[in-house]
Protein backbone atom coordinates (compact mmCIF):
# COMPACT_ATOMS: atom_id res chain seq x y z
CA UNK A 1 0.00 0.00 0.00
CA UNK A 2 1.37 3.41 -0.97
CA UNK A 3 2.56 5.57 1.91
CA UNK A 4 0.76 8.90 1.73
CA UNK A 5 2.15 10.47 4.89
CA UNK A 6 4.61 12.66 2.97
CA UNK A 7 1.79 14.14 0.91
CA UNK A 8 0.03 15.53 3.99
CA UNK A 9 1.19 19.06 4.82
CA UNK A 10 2.49 19.67 8.31
CA UNK A 11 -0.27 20.90 10.57
CA UNK A 12 0.13 24.48 11.74
CA UNK A 13 -1.74 26.50 14.32
CA UNK A 14 -4.28 28.75 12.63
CA UNK A 15 -7.13 31.06 13.56
CA UNK A 16 -10.26 29.90 11.76
CA UNK A 17 -8.05 28.19 9.19
CA UNK A 18 -5.86 31.26 8.74
CA UNK A 19 -2.52 32.45 10.15
CA UNK A 20 -2.78 33.95 13.62
CA UNK A 21 -2.21 37.71 14.15
CA UNK A 22 0.73 36.84 16.40
CA UNK A 23 2.67 35.07 13.67
CA UNK A 24 6.11 36.44 12.87
CA UNK A 25 7.28 37.38 9.38
CA UNK A 26 9.56 34.34 9.34
CA UNK A 27 6.69 32.01 10.18
CA UNK A 28 4.44 33.58 7.56
CA UNK A 29 7.20 33.35 4.96
CA UNK A 30 7.62 29.64 5.65
CA UNK A 31 3.87 29.04 5.64
CA UNK A 32 3.27 30.74 2.28
CA UNK A 33 6.60 29.85 0.73
CA UNK A 34 7.31 33.42 -0.37
CA UNK A 35 10.09 35.91 0.49
CA UNK A 36 9.35 38.04 3.60
CA UNK A 37 9.39 41.30 1.64
CA UNK A 38 6.25 40.20 -0.25
CA UNK A 39 4.15 39.93 2.93
CA UNK A 40 2.15 42.89 4.25
CA UNK A 41 1.72 42.96 8.03
CA UNK A 42 -0.98 45.63 8.07
CA UNK A 43 -3.68 44.53 8.57
CA UNK A 44 -2.29 41.97 10.97
CA UNK A 45 -1.84 38.39 9.71
CA UNK A 46 -5.15 36.57 9.40
CA UNK A 47 -7.17 39.78 9.66
CA UNK A 48 -7.01 41.21 6.12
CA UNK A 49 -10.26 41.40 4.16
CA UNK A 50 -11.29 41.95 0.55
CA UNK A 51 -11.88 45.62 1.36
CA UNK A 52 -8.29 45.88 2.57
CA UNK A 53 -7.12 44.23 -0.64
CA UNK A 54 -9.03 46.66 -2.84
CA UNK A 55 -7.76 49.64 -0.85
CA UNK A 56 -4.11 48.59 -1.09
CA UNK A 57 -4.38 47.81 -4.80
CA UNK A 58 -6.13 51.12 -5.49
CA UNK A 59 -4.02 53.40 -3.30
CA UNK A 60 -0.66 51.71 -2.83
CA UNK A 61 2.26 51.01 -5.10
CA UNK A 62 1.95 47.23 -4.78
CA UNK A 63 -0.45 44.72 -6.31
CA UNK A 64 -1.49 42.09 -3.78
CA UNK A 65 -3.54 38.93 -3.52
CA UNK A 66 -5.55 37.87 -0.47
CA UNK A 67 -4.57 34.49 0.95
CA UNK A 68 -5.67 33.18 4.36
CA UNK A 69 -6.30 36.67 5.70
CA UNK A 70 -2.89 37.97 4.58
CA UNK A 71 -2.06 40.40 1.77
CA UNK A 72 0.66 38.84 -0.37
CA UNK A 73 2.35 40.99 -3.01
CA UNK A 74 2.45 39.67 -6.56
CA UNK A 75 5.95 39.02 -7.84
CA UNK A 76 6.60 40.74 -11.15
CA UNK A 77 9.47 42.41 -12.96
CA UNK A 78 10.02 44.54 -16.05
CA UNK A 79 10.95 41.59 -18.29
CA UNK A 80 8.10 39.44 -16.98
CA UNK A 81 5.73 42.35 -17.59
CA UNK A 82 6.76 42.43 -21.23
CA UNK A 83 6.06 38.72 -21.73
CA UNK A 84 2.73 38.98 -19.90
CA UNK A 85 1.70 41.86 -22.19
CA UNK A 86 2.79 39.94 -25.30
CA UNK A 87 0.82 36.91 -24.20
CA UNK A 88 -2.24 39.03 -23.47
CA UNK A 89 -2.06 40.47 -26.97
CA UNK A 90 -1.81 37.03 -28.60
CA UNK A 91 -4.60 35.56 -26.48
CA UNK A 92 -6.78 38.64 -26.81
CA UNK A 93 -6.52 38.73 -30.60
CA UNK A 94 -7.44 35.04 -30.90
CA UNK A 95 -10.32 35.19 -28.41
CA UNK A 96 -11.78 38.34 -29.99
CA UNK A 97 -11.46 36.99 -33.53
CA UNK A 98 -13.45 33.86 -32.63
CA UNK A 99 -15.80 35.58 -30.13
CA UNK A 100 -14.90 33.10 -27.39
CA UNK A 101 -15.08 35.33 -24.31
CA UNK A 102 -12.71 37.77 -22.61
CA UNK A 103 -9.04 37.95 -21.62
CA UNK A 104 -8.04 39.72 -18.42
CA UNK A 105 -4.83 41.48 -17.34
CA UNK A 106 -2.78 40.87 -14.14
CA UNK A 107 -4.71 43.41 -12.04
CA UNK A 108 -8.04 41.55 -12.38
CA UNK A 109 -9.16 40.21 -9.00
CA UNK A 110 -11.20 37.01 -8.72
CA UNK A 111 -12.48 35.08 -5.72
CA UNK A 112 -11.60 31.41 -6.16
CA UNK A 113 -12.83 30.47 -2.68
CA UNK A 114 -14.05 32.45 0.35
CA UNK A 115 -10.98 34.29 1.65
CA UNK A 116 -8.88 33.50 -1.42
CA UNK A 117 -8.51 36.21 -4.07
CA UNK A 118 -6.04 35.58 -6.88
CA UNK A 119 -4.82 37.71 -9.80
CA UNK A 120 -3.35 35.54 -12.58
CA UNK A 121 -0.92 37.31 -14.90
CA UNK A 122 -3.36 36.48 -17.69
CA UNK A 123 -6.69 34.70 -17.69
CA UNK A 124 -9.36 33.66 -20.15
CA UNK A 125 -13.07 33.46 -19.37
CA UNK A 126 -15.41 31.90 -21.91
CA UNK A 127 -18.80 33.55 -22.34
CA UNK A 128 -20.37 30.52 -20.68
CA UNK A 129 -18.47 31.22 -17.44
CA UNK A 130 -19.68 34.79 -17.17
CA UNK A 131 -23.14 35.25 -15.57
CA UNK A 132 -25.50 36.12 -18.41
CA UNK A 133 -22.51 36.30 -20.76
CA UNK A 134 -21.64 39.77 -19.43
CA UNK A 135 -18.90 41.45 -17.41
CA UNK A 136 -19.62 41.28 -13.67
CA UNK A 137 -20.17 44.61 -11.92
CA UNK A 138 -18.52 43.68 -8.62
CA UNK A 139 -14.75 44.32 -8.26
CA UNK A 140 -14.08 40.77 -7.00
CA UNK A 141 -16.51 38.35 -8.66
CA UNK A 142 -16.89 34.81 -7.43
CA UNK A 143 -15.50 33.28 -10.61
CA UNK A 144 -12.69 31.00 -11.77
CA UNK A 145 -11.28 31.32 -15.32
CA UNK A 146 -11.09 28.64 -17.98
CA UNK A 147 -7.37 29.39 -18.37
CA UNK A 148 -5.01 30.82 -15.74
CA UNK A 149 -1.50 31.94 -16.67
CA UNK A 150 1.44 32.87 -14.45
CA UNK A 151 4.69 34.40 -15.72
CA UNK A 152 7.36 33.29 -13.28
CA UNK A 153 9.79 35.89 -11.95
CA UNK A 154 12.72 35.78 -9.56
CA UNK A 155 10.44 36.47 -6.59
CA UNK A 156 8.26 33.42 -7.17
CA UNK A 157 8.99 30.11 -5.42
CA UNK A 158 8.27 26.47 -6.23
CA UNK A 159 6.08 26.05 -3.14
CA UNK A 160 4.05 29.13 -4.03
CA UNK A 161 3.42 28.00 -7.60
CA UNK A 162 2.51 24.46 -6.56
CA UNK A 163 -0.09 25.95 -4.23
CA UNK A 164 -1.47 28.22 -6.95
CA UNK A 165 -1.79 25.41 -9.48
CA UNK A 166 -3.61 23.30 -6.90
CA UNK A 167 -5.98 26.16 -6.06
CA UNK A 168 -6.71 26.87 -9.71
CA UNK A 169 -7.80 23.32 -10.47
CA UNK A 170 -9.76 22.97 -7.23
CA UNK A 171 -11.71 26.09 -8.19
CA UNK A 172 -12.61 24.71 -11.63
CA UNK A 173 -9.90 26.11 -13.92
CA UNK A 174 -9.50 23.92 -17.00
CA UNK A 175 -5.95 24.78 -18.08
CA UNK A 176 -2.90 26.36 -16.41
CA UNK A 177 0.24 27.70 -18.07
CA UNK A 178 3.38 28.61 -16.13
CA UNK A 179 5.80 30.65 -18.26
CA UNK A 180 9.49 30.65 -17.33
CA UNK A 181 11.08 33.43 -19.44
CA UNK A 182 14.59 32.84 -18.10
CA UNK A 183 14.44 29.10 -18.88
CA UNK A 184 12.44 29.76 -22.07
CA UNK A 185 10.01 26.98 -21.17
CA UNK A 186 6.31 26.60 -20.36
CA UNK A 187 4.76 24.14 -17.94
CA UNK A 188 1.37 23.10 -19.30
CA UNK A 189 -1.13 21.68 -16.81
CA UNK A 190 -4.25 20.03 -18.20
CA UNK A 191 -4.93 18.79 -14.66
CA UNK A 192 -3.00 18.23 -11.44
CA UNK A 193 -1.90 14.86 -12.79
CA UNK A 194 -1.32 15.87 -16.39
CA UNK A 195 1.65 18.24 -16.84
CA UNK A 196 4.26 18.51 -19.55
CA UNK A 197 7.04 20.98 -20.26
CA UNK A 198 7.42 22.73 -23.59
CA UNK A 199 10.77 24.00 -24.82
CA UNK A 200 11.30 27.09 -26.93
CA UNK A 201 11.43 25.03 -30.14
CA UNK A 202 7.84 23.82 -29.62
CA UNK A 203 4.37 25.28 -30.05
CA UNK A 204 1.94 26.09 -27.27
CA UNK A 205 -1.64 25.10 -28.10
CA UNK A 206 -4.95 25.79 -26.38
CA UNK A 207 -6.21 22.23 -26.19
CA UNK A 208 -9.88 21.78 -25.31
CA UNK A 209 -10.01 25.15 -23.53
CA UNK A 210 -8.90 27.21 -26.54
CA UNK A 211 -9.18 24.91 -29.58
CA UNK A 212 -7.28 26.25 -32.55
CA UNK A 213 -4.97 28.52 -30.54
CA UNK A 214 -1.28 28.05 -31.35
CA UNK A 215 1.80 30.09 -30.47
CA UNK A 216 5.41 29.63 -31.61
CA UNK A 217 7.49 29.71 -28.44
CA UNK A 218 10.88 30.48 -30.00
CA UNK A 219 9.36 33.59 -31.51
CA UNK A 220 7.58 34.43 -28.27
CA UNK A 221 10.70 34.14 -26.09
CA UNK A 222 12.98 36.07 -28.48
CA UNK A 223 13.54 39.54 -26.94
CA UNK A 224 12.37 42.44 -29.13
CA UNK A 225 14.91 44.59 -30.96
CA UNK A 226 14.49 47.82 -32.81
CA UNK A 227 14.24 47.32 -36.55
CA UNK A 228 16.92 49.30 -38.37
CA UNK A 229 16.39 51.28 -41.54
CA UNK A 230 13.03 52.76 -40.46
């Protein structure tokens, strides 16, 4: 019989399933698997709400997600921002051409579960996923996308991304892409048990979520250069 003890996360003391306000930065960093500088301590750990998230994202200079009552800053850099924008353009053009739904940017907030608000670097929602086939009015709708994309930067960690992938599929996401610009690879998750890695000499396709979508990765990962003679 297979031993499953290693697959069970170590039990930690929480307040209503969330970190306790007395937790230190070091303990929070270990719990979330992110660098300490990405954790906001105001409001106190375990006490942050969606209103706090919206306020910080609207008035601060940091974009955060809400996880277990803690505001966690999104990791992003200049180079990663370029690749996210390029991907959004490719996805957006394809989705609009075929009238499939909408594509959202990294500052779009979505409630995957009560107390869990994520902001994928890119996401696709089919018309069928949107109530009445229209854009929700609320700033944090209770929706999960068909496709969730993360562009991995230096500030991201393996533990953090494993948690995100798990959350995405538990919430009903059908496809997850993790882009690694530095490695020039993409991890493609069709489910938690179905993952394969694409190299830069391969093509990324949309599968059942975005049938017909195809993107040449070597062209995608090649940094832009100014064209001479213009």
